[in-house]
Amino acid sequence: MARTFFVGGNFKLNGSKPSIKEIVERLNNADLPQNVEVVLCPPAPYLEYTASLITKPQLAVGAQNTYLKASGAFTGENSVDQIKELGSKWVILGHSERRTIFHEDDKFVADKTKFALGQGVGVILCIGETLEEKKAGVTLKVVERQLNAVIDEVKDWSNVVVAYEPVWAIGTGLAATAEDAQDIHKSIRDFLATKLGEKTAGETRILYGGSANGANVASFKDKSDIDGFLVGGASLKPEFVQIVNSRK
């Protein structure tokens, strides 16, 4: 089944107006394929600025996080309506840095996902195992547990993109081989099929993340269950255009 190639750029806690302008203008001026969806996720203060710079229809803006309430006494949080007002079409939820540093458990991530979808933004749902879990051979158990929490809350997955990000590969320079990633992506899709049906599983895009960069993305090109990338540090560099163009 044809699925539109999807590349997310997670800037994390990086960026300034000059650097973000450089990143967006580089993409605006690049020869990008028509059949790609690129979502730039800067820190929250730069959402509107980033959206204002975009001139290509393939580009959109997403937030790195949002809360599960519309308003209230939640110091430091951003609501879905607020990120939408600043131009966000997507939000990253469940990233391992949120799960570990801020202790967001599976249920909390699932609740945030349900709320964000209900408020009209797409969700890039991050799942993945730690190095200890990988060594213990429980990778699939971990990702299935993380997915099950969301499946319990969300029945319509048309605006969900799953990002498999092995925690051991994020920011370490390590990366799963394309073959290993394909095997896990196929298992994830098979699991979604058992829970949500073949149609939903076939339409759901599954991204690879975890040290995806200009040097290794070409090796993923012919992997049928890898529908794109969620890119961290490389999204800040000129090689991000190469990643976006890696399916040409």
C-alpha atoms as a PDB file:
ATOM      1  CA  MET A   1       0.000   0.000   0.000  1.00  0.00           C
ATOM      2  CA  ALA A   2       1.368   3.451  -0.951  1.00  0.00           C
ATOM      3  CA  ARG A   3       1.999   5.614   2.091  1.00  0.00           C
ATOM      4  CA  THR A   4       3.237   9.195   1.762  1.00  0.00           C
ATOM      5  CA  PHE A   5       6.863   9.474   2.857  1.00  0.00           C
ATOM      6  CA  PHE A   6       7.021  11.396   6.149  1.00  0.00           C
ATOM      7  CA  VAL A   7      10.013  13.144   7.722  1.00  0.00           C
ATOM      8  CA  GLY A   8       9.808  14.854  11.091  1.00  0.00           C
ATOM      9  CA  GLY A   9      12.496  17.202  12.334  1.00  0.00           C
ATOM     10  CA  ASN A  10      12.658  17.327  16.127  1.00  0.00           C
ATOM     11  CA  PHE A  11      14.786  20.353  16.988  1.00  0.00           C
ATOM     12  CA  LYS A  12      14.525  19.533  20.721  1.00  0.00           C
ATOM     13  CA  LEU A  13      15.844  22.390  22.905  1.00  0.00           C
ATOM     14  CA  ASN A  14      17.788  23.945  20.062  1.00  0.00           C
ATOM     15  CA  GLY A  15      17.296  26.898  17.780  1.00  0.00           C
ATOM     16  CA  SER A  16      17.168  30.653  17.470  1.00  0.00           C
ATOM     17  CA  LYS A  17      15.446  32.870  14.949  1.00  0.00           C
ATOM     18  CA  PRO A  18      18.555  33.057  12.728  1.00  0.00           C
ATOM     19  CA  SER A  19      19.225  29.309  12.815  1.00  0.00           C
ATOM     20  CA  ILE A  20      15.578  28.385  12.225  1.00  0.00           C
ATOM     21  CA  LYS A  21      15.345  30.826   9.338  1.00  0.00           C
ATOM     22  CA  GLU A  22      18.382  29.164   7.786  1.00  0.00           C
ATOM     23  CA  ILE A  23      16.863  25.685   8.168  1.00  0.00           C
ATOM     24  CA  VAL A  24      13.487  26.653   6.690  1.00  0.00           C
ATOM     25  CA  GLU A  25      14.941  28.673   3.830  1.00  0.00           C
ATOM     26  CA  ARG A  26      17.199  25.764   2.934  1.00  0.00           C
ATOM     27  CA  LEU A  27      14.096  23.564   2.592  1.00  0.00           C
ATOM     28  CA  ASN A  28      12.105  26.273   0.796  1.00  0.00           C
ATOM     29  CA  ASN A  29      14.880  26.574  -1.786  1.00  0.00           C
ATOM     30  CA  ALA A  30      15.513  22.853  -2.196  1.00  0.00           C
ATOM     31  CA  ASP A  31      14.137  20.670  -4.955  1.00  0.00           C
ATOM     32  CA  LEU A  32      11.861  18.514  -2.813  1.00  0.00           C
ATOM     33  CA  PRO A  33       9.682  15.692  -4.152  1.00  0.00           C
ATOM     34  CA  GLN A  34       5.950  16.352  -4.271  1.00  0.00           C
ATOM     35  CA  ASN A  35       5.097  13.113  -2.452  1.00  0.00           C
ATOM     36  CA  VAL A  36       6.740  13.905   0.876  1.00  0.00           C
ATOM     37  CA  GLU A  37       5.393  15.354   4.103  1.00  0.00           C
ATOM     38  CA  VAL A  38       7.917  17.239   6.236  1.00  0.00           C
ATOM     39  CA  VAL A  39       7.024  18.396   9.742  1.00  0.00           C
ATOM     40  CA  LEU A  40       9.376  20.802  11.518  1.00  0.00           C
ATOM     41  CA  CYS A  41       9.156  20.743  15.314  1.00  0.00           C
ATOM     42  CA  PRO A  42      10.986  23.699  16.877  1.00  0.00           C
ATOM     43  CA  PRO A  43      10.782  24.730  20.537  1.00  0.00           C
ATOM     44  CA  ALA A  44       7.357  26.167  21.366  1.00  0.00           C
ATOM     45  CA  PRO A  45       8.395  29.854  21.329  1.00  0.00           C
ATOM     46  CA  TYR A  46       9.357  29.503  17.655  1.00  0.00           C
ATOM     47  CA  LEU A  47       6.279  27.710  16.325  1.00  0.00           C
ATOM     48  CA  GLU A  48       4.607  30.759  14.816  1.00  0.00           C
ATOM     49  CA  TYR A  49       7.882  32.131  13.482  1.00  0.00           C
ATOM     50  CA  THR A  50       8.698  28.814  11.797  1.00  0.00           C
ATOM     51  CA  ALA A  51       5.226  28.581  10.273  1.00  0.00           C
ATOM     52  CA  SER A  52       5.550  32.128   8.917  1.00  0.00           C
ATOM     53  CA  LEU A  53       8.694  31.219   6.963  1.00  0.00           C
ATOM     54  CA  ILE A  54       7.296  28.182   5.141  1.00  0.00           C
ATOM     55  CA  THR A  55       6.550  28.577   1.436  1.00  0.00           C
ATOM     56  CA  LYS A  56       6.458  24.964   0.231  1.00  0.00           C
ATOM     57  CA  PRO A  57       3.245  22.886   0.523  1.00  0.00           C
ATOM     58  CA  GLN A  58       5.261  19.825   1.590  1.00  0.00           C
ATOM     59  CA  LEU A  59       6.296  21.581   4.810  1.00  0.00           C
ATOM     60  CA  ALA A  60       4.320  21.938   8.033  1.00  0.00           C
ATOM     61  CA  VAL A  61       4.968  22.726  11.682  1.00  0.00           C
ATOM     62  CA  GLY A  62       4.526  20.540  14.739  1.00  0.00           C
ATOM     63  CA  ALA A  63       5.014  21.005  18.468  1.00  0.00           C
ATOM     64  CA  GLN A  64       7.296  18.866  20.600  1.00  0.00           C
ATOM     65  CA  ASN A  65       4.722  18.350  23.334  1.00  0.00           C
ATOM     66  CA  THR A  66       1.304  19.409  24.535  1.00  0.00           C
ATOM     67  CA  TYR A  67      -0.931  18.860  27.540  1.00  0.00           C
ATOM     68  CA  LEU A  68      -4.208  16.973  27.948  1.00  0.00           C
ATOM     69  CA  LYS A  69      -6.265  19.910  29.182  1.00  0.00           C
ATOM     70  CA  ALA A  70      -7.542  22.902  27.250  1.00  0.00           C
ATOM     71  CA  SER A  71      -6.612  25.399  29.965  1.00  0.00           C
ATOM     72  CA  GLY A  72      -6.073  25.747  33.685  1.00  0.00           C
ATOM     73  CA  ALA A  73      -3.434  25.865  36.401  1.00  0.00           C
ATOM     74  CA  PHE A  74      -0.752  23.871  34.585  1.00  0.00           C
ATOM     75  CA  THR A  75       2.362  26.025  34.766  1.00  0.00           C
ATOM     76  CA  GLY A  76       4.797  25.521  31.902  1.00  0.00           C
ATOM     77  CA  GLU A  77       2.445  23.495  29.708  1.00  0.00           C
ATOM     78  CA  ASN A  78       1.095  24.304  26.239  1.00  0.00           C
ATOM     79  CA  SER A  79      -2.448  23.484  25.187  1.00  0.00           C
ATOM     80  CA  VAL A  80      -3.458  22.009  21.843  1.00  0.00           C
ATOM     81  CA  ASP A  81      -5.462  25.129  20.966  1.00  0.00           C
ATOM     82  CA  GLN A  82      -2.417  27.280  21.685  1.00  0.00           C
ATOM     83  CA  ILE A  83      -0.084  25.318  19.424  1.00  0.00           C
ATOM     84  CA  LYS A  84      -2.768  25.262  16.714  1.00  0.00           C
ATOM     85  CA  GLU A  85      -3.094  29.044  16.929  1.00  0.00           C
ATOM     86  CA  LEU A  86       0.648  29.258  16.326  1.00  0.00           C
ATOM     87  CA  GLY A  87       0.379  27.151  13.171  1.00  0.00           C
ATOM     88  CA  SER A  88       1.002  23.612  14.384  1.00  0.00           C
ATOM     89  CA  LYS A  89      -0.594  20.750  12.476  1.00  0.00           C
ATOM     90  CA  TRP A  90       1.165  18.013  14.475  1.00  0.00           C
ATOM     91  CA  VAL A  91       2.581  17.240  17.890  1.00  0.00           C
ATOM     92  CA  ILE A  92       5.217  14.748  19.041  1.00  0.00           C
ATOM     93  CA  LEU A  93       4.017  12.678  21.997  1.00  0.00           C
ATOM     94  CA  GLY A  94       5.623   9.851  23.947  1.00  0.00           C
ATOM     95  CA  HIS A  95       9.215  10.742  23.092  1.00  0.00           C
ATOM     96  CA  SER A  96      11.620   8.801  25.299  1.00  0.00           C
ATOM     97  CA  GLU A  97      12.988  12.031  26.739  1.00  0.00           C
ATOM     98  CA  ARG A  98       9.492  12.885  27.958  1.00  0.00           C
ATOM     99  CA  ARG A  99       8.945   9.348  29.238  1.00  0.00           C
ATOM    100  CA  THR A 100      12.227   9.268  31.183  1.00  0.00           C
ATOM    101  CA  ILE A 101      13.088  12.836  32.192  1.00  0.00           C
ATOM    102  CA  PHE A 102       9.495  13.866  32.912  1.00  0.00           C
ATOM    103  CA  HIS A 103       8.222  10.415  33.947  1.00  0.00           C
ATOM    104  CA  GLU A 104       5.357  10.253  31.449  1.00  0.00           C
ATOM    105  CA  ASP A 105       3.974   6.716  31.605  1.00  0.00           C
ATOM    106  CA  ASP A 106       2.091   4.812  28.899  1.00  0.00           C
ATOM    107  CA  LYS A 107      -1.352   5.831  30.177  1.00  0.00           C
ATOM    108  CA  PHE A 108      -0.433   9.507  30.355  1.00  0.00           C
ATOM    109  CA  VAL A 109       0.940   9.423  26.808  1.00  0.00           C
ATOM    110  CA  ALA A 110      -2.220   7.655  25.647  1.00  0.00           C
ATOM    111  CA  ASP A 111      -4.458  10.236  27.315  1.00  0.00           C
ATOM    112  CA  LYS A 112      -2.499  13.086  25.741  1.00  0.00           C
ATOM    113  CA  THR A 113      -2.715  11.384  22.355  1.00  0.00           C
ATOM    114  CA  LYS A 114      -6.473  10.975  22.593  1.00  0.00           C
ATOM    115  CA  PHE A 115      -6.938  14.596  23.625  1.00  0.00           C
ATOM    116  CA  ALA A 116      -4.661  16.006  20.911  1.00  0.00           C
ATOM    117  CA  LEU A 117      -6.403  14.007  18.188  1.00  0.00           C
ATOM    118  CA  GLY A 118      -9.775  15.077  19.503  1.00  0.00           C
ATOM    119  CA  GLN A 119      -8.683  18.705  19.293  1.00  0.00           C
ATOM    120  CA  GLY A 120      -7.661  18.367  15.664  1.00  0.00           C
ATOM    121  CA  VAL A 121      -3.899  17.895  15.462  1.00  0.00           C
ATOM    122  CA  GLY A 122      -2.004  14.901  14.156  1.00  0.00           C
ATOM    123  CA  VAL A 123       0.159  12.936  16.556  1.00  0.00           C
ATOM    124  CA  ILE A 124       3.660  11.586  15.984  1.00  0.00           C
ATOM    125  CA  LEU A 125       3.559   8.805  18.577  1.00  0.00           C
ATOM    126  CA  CYS A 126       6.992   7.707  19.766  1.00  0.00           C
ATOM    127  CA  ILE A 127       7.683   4.194  21.008  1.00  0.00           C
ATOM    128  CA  GLY A 128      10.883   2.278  21.657  1.00  0.00           C
ATOM    129  CA  GLU A 129      12.988   0.210  24.016  1.00  0.00           C
ATOM    130  CA  THR A 130      16.003   0.990  26.200  1.00  0.00           C
ATOM    131  CA  LEU A 131      19.370  -0.719  25.826  1.00  0.00           C
ATOM    132  CA  GLU A 132      18.619  -2.906  28.832  1.00  0.00           C
ATOM    133  CA  GLU A 133      15.292  -3.974  27.306  1.00  0.00           C
ATOM    134  CA  LYS A 134      16.970  -4.682  23.972  1.00  0.00           C
ATOM    135  CA  LYS A 135      19.601  -6.856  25.672  1.00  0.00           C
ATOM    136  CA  ALA A 136      16.837  -8.690  27.553  1.00  0.00           C
ATOM    137  CA  GLY A 137      15.110  -9.498  24.265  1.00  0.00           C
ATOM    138  CA  VAL A 138      11.864  -7.745  25.153  1.00  0.00           C
ATOM    139  CA  THR A 139      11.780  -5.085  22.421  1.00  0.00           C
ATOM    140  CA  LEU A 140       8.462  -6.234  20.987  1.00  0.00           C
ATOM    141  CA  LYS A 141       6.877  -6.590  24.415  1.00  0.00           C
ATOM    142  CA  VAL A 142       7.849  -2.997  25.208  1.00  0.00           C
ATOM    143  CA  VAL A 143       6.547  -1.457  21.981  1.00  0.00           C
ATOM    144  CA  GLU A 144       3.361  -3.525  22.105  1.00  0.00           C
ATOM    145  CA  ARG A 145       2.732  -2.365  25.675  1.00  0.00           C
ATOM    146  CA  GLN A 146       3.240   1.261  24.638  1.00  0.00           C
ATOM    147  CA  LEU A 147       0.954   0.843  21.634  1.00  0.00           C
ATOM    148  CA  ASN A 148      -1.703  -1.022  23.611  1.00  0.00           C
ATOM    149  CA  ALA A 149      -2.102   1.925  25.968  1.00  0.00           C
ATOM    150  CA  VAL A 150      -2.985   4.156  23.009  1.00  0.00           C
ATOM    151  CA  ILE A 151      -5.119   1.503  21.292  1.00  0.00           C
ATOM    152  CA  ASP A 152      -7.219   1.339  24.451  1.00  0.00           C
ATOM    153  CA  GLU A 153      -7.995   5.062  24.084  1.00  0.00           C
ATOM    154  CA  VAL A 154      -7.886   5.748  20.341  1.00  0.00           C
ATOM    155  CA  LYS A 155      -9.863   3.903  17.666  1.00  0.00           C
ATOM    156  CA  ASP A 156      -9.331   6.274  14.718  1.00  0.00           C
ATOM    157  CA  TRP A 157      -5.636   6.175  13.763  1.00  0.00           C
ATOM    158  CA  SER A 158      -5.937   8.158  10.535  1.00  0.00           C
ATOM    159  CA  ASN A 159      -4.021  11.089  12.049  1.00  0.00           C
ATOM    160  CA  VAL A 160      -1.447   9.043  13.951  1.00  0.00           C
ATOM    161  CA  VAL A 161       2.093   8.457  12.716  1.00  0.00           C
ATOM    162  CA  VAL A 162       4.085   5.941  14.762  1.00  0.00           C
ATOM    163  CA  ALA A 163       7.780   6.662  15.306  1.00  0.00           C
ATOM    164  CA  TYR A 164       9.845   3.676  16.405  1.00  0.00           C
ATOM    165  CA  GLU A 165      12.804   5.189  18.220  1.00  0.00           C
ATOM    166  CA  PRO A 166      15.062   2.729  20.026  1.00  0.00           C
ATOM    167  CA  VAL A 167      16.112   4.699  23.092  1.00  0.00           C
ATOM    168  CA  TRP A 168      19.643   3.303  22.913  1.00  0.00           C
ATOM    169  CA  ALA A 169      20.097   4.929  19.502  1.00  0.00           C
ATOM    170  CA  ILE A 170      18.869   8.439  20.289  1.00  0.00           C
ATOM    171  CA  GLY A 171      21.706  10.945  20.307  1.00  0.00           C
ATOM    172  CA  THR A 172      24.319   8.208  20.702  1.00  0.00           C
ATOM    173  CA  GLY A 173      25.479   7.856  17.116  1.00  0.00           C
ATOM    174  CA  LEU A 174      24.305   4.232  17.232  1.00  0.00           C
ATOM    175  CA  ALA A 175      21.528   3.132  14.926  1.00  0.00           C
ATOM    176  CA  ALA A 176      19.674  -0.040  14.118  1.00  0.00           C
ATOM    177  CA  THR A 177      20.591  -1.536  10.776  1.00  0.00           C
ATOM    178  CA  ALA A 178      18.020  -1.071   8.056  1.00  0.00           C
ATOM    179  CA  GLU A 179      17.339  -4.808   8.141  1.00  0.00           C
ATOM    180  CA  ASP A 180      16.783  -4.867  11.911  1.00  0.00           C
ATOM    181  CA  ALA A 181      14.575  -1.774  11.752  1.00  0.00           C
ATOM    182  CA  GLN A 182      12.507  -3.326   8.951  1.00  0.00           C
ATOM    183  CA  ASP A 183      11.982  -6.483  11.009  1.00  0.00           C
ATOM    184  CA  ILE A 184      10.725  -4.479  13.983  1.00  0.00           C
ATOM    185  CA  HIS A 185       8.564  -2.206  11.823  1.00  0.00           C
ATOM    186  CA  LYS A 186       6.995  -5.267  10.204  1.00  0.00           C
ATOM    187  CA  SER A 187       6.261  -6.704  13.666  1.00  0.00           C
ATOM    188  CA  ILE A 188       4.718  -3.395  14.726  1.00  0.00           C
ATOM    189  CA  ARG A 189       2.508  -3.328  11.629  1.00  0.00           C
ATOM    190  CA  ASP A 190       1.469  -6.944  12.189  1.00  0.00           C
ATOM    191  CA  PHE A 191       0.586  -6.091  15.787  1.00  0.00           C
ATOM    192  CA  LEU A 192      -1.493  -3.101  14.679  1.00  0.00           C
ATOM    193  CA  ALA A 193      -3.277  -5.365  12.218  1.00  0.00           C
ATOM    194  CA  THR A 194      -4.305  -7.760  14.981  1.00  0.00           C
ATOM    195  CA  LYS A 195      -5.590  -4.880  17.104  1.00  0.00           C
ATOM    196  CA  LEU A 196      -6.958  -2.382  14.598  1.00  0.00           C
ATOM    197  CA  GLY A 197      -7.428  -4.363  11.400  1.00  0.00           C
ATOM    198  CA  GLU A 198      -5.423  -4.812   8.204  1.00  0.00           C
ATOM    199  CA  LYS A 199      -6.694  -1.589   6.616  1.00  0.00           C
ATOM    200  CA  THR A 200      -5.638   0.678   9.490  1.00  0.00           C
ATOM    201  CA  ALA A 201      -2.312  -1.118   9.865  1.00  0.00           C
ATOM    202  CA  GLY A 202      -1.652  -0.800   6.151  1.00  0.00           C
ATOM    203  CA  GLU A 203      -2.388   2.926   6.151  1.00  0.00           C
ATOM    204  CA  THR A 204      -0.473   3.834   9.315  1.00  0.00           C
ATOM    205  CA  ARG A 205       2.951   5.275   8.654  1.00  0.00           C
ATOM    206  CA  ILE A 206       5.765   3.932  10.801  1.00  0.00           C
ATOM    207  CA  LEU A 207       8.902   6.052  11.013  1.00  0.00           C
ATOM    208  CA  TYR A 208      12.384   5.129  12.145  1.00  0.00           C
ATOM    209  CA  GLY A 209      14.175   7.422  14.577  1.00  0.00           C
ATOM    210  CA  GLY A 210      17.357   7.203  16.560  1.00  0.00           C
ATOM    211  CA  SER A 211      20.449   8.729  14.919  1.00  0.00           C
ATOM    212  CA  ALA A 212      18.893   8.813  11.461  1.00  0.00           C
ATOM    213  CA  ASN A 213      21.208  10.981   9.361  1.00  0.00           C
ATOM    214  CA  GLY A 214      22.349  11.769   5.863  1.00  0.00           C
ATOM    215  CA  ALA A 215      24.904   8.958   5.909  1.00  0.00           C
ATOM    216  CA  ASN A 216      22.577   6.082   6.775  1.00  0.00           C
ATOM    217  CA  VAL A 217      19.103   6.919   5.429  1.00  0.00           C
ATOM    218  CA  ALA A 218      19.808   5.614   1.925  1.00  0.00           C
ATOM    219  CA  SER A 219      20.109   2.090   3.341  1.00  0.00           C
ATOM    220  CA  PHE A 220      16.434   2.262   4.408  1.00  0.00           C
ATOM    221  CA  LYS A 221      15.120   3.160   0.962  1.00  0.00           C
ATOM    222  CA  ASP A 222      13.849  -0.260  -0.114  1.00  0.00           C
ATOM    223  CA  LYS A 223      12.401  -1.292   3.270  1.00  0.00           C
ATOM    224  CA  SER A 224       8.673  -1.701   2.745  1.00  0.00           C
ATOM    225  CA  ASP A 225       7.564  -0.993   6.319  1.00  0.00           C
ATOM    226  CA  ILE A 226       9.781   2.044   6.953  1.00  0.00           C
ATOM    227  CA  ASP A 227       7.719   5.036   5.868  1.00  0.00           C
ATOM    228  CA  GLY A 228      10.065   7.829   6.863  1.00  0.00           C
ATOM    229  CA  PHE A 229      12.143   9.191   9.704  1.00  0.00           C
ATOM    230  CA  LEU A 230      11.898  11.203  12.878  1.00  0.00           C
ATOM    231  CA  VAL A 231      15.178  13.082  12.859  1.00  0.00           C
ATOM    232  CA  GLY A 232      16.865  14.720  15.832  1.00  0.00           C
ATOM    233  CA  GLY A 233      20.225  16.467  15.561  1.00  0.00           C
ATOM    234  CA  ALA A 234      20.527  16.012  11.804  1.00  0.00           C
ATOM    235  CA  SER A 235      17.367  18.098  11.302  1.00  0.00           C
ATOM    236  CA  LEU A 236      19.415  21.147  12.322  1.00  0.00           C
ATOM    237  CA  LYS A 237      22.023  20.553   9.602  1.00  0.00           C
ATOM    238  CA  PRO A 238      22.155  20.859   5.803  1.00  0.00           C
ATOM    239  CA  GLU A 239      21.989  17.054   5.524  1.00  0.00           C
ATOM    240  CA  PHE A 240      18.302  17.247   6.514  1.00  0.00           C
ATOM    241  CA  VAL A 241      17.497  18.070   2.884  1.00  0.00           C
ATOM    242  CA  GLN A 242      19.321  14.891   1.862  1.00  0.00           C
ATOM    243  CA  ILE A 243      17.167  12.906   4.297  1.00  0.00           C
ATOM    244  CA  VAL A 244      13.959  14.463   2.924  1.00  0.00           C
ATOM    245  CA  ASN A 245      15.109  13.606  -0.607  1.00  0.00           C
ATOM    246  CA  SER A 246      16.252  10.082   0.225  1.00  0.00           C
ATOM    247  CA  ARG A 247      13.237   8.457  -1.476  1.00  0.00           C
ATOM    248  CA  LYS A 248      13.622  10.296  -4.784  1.00  0.00           C
END
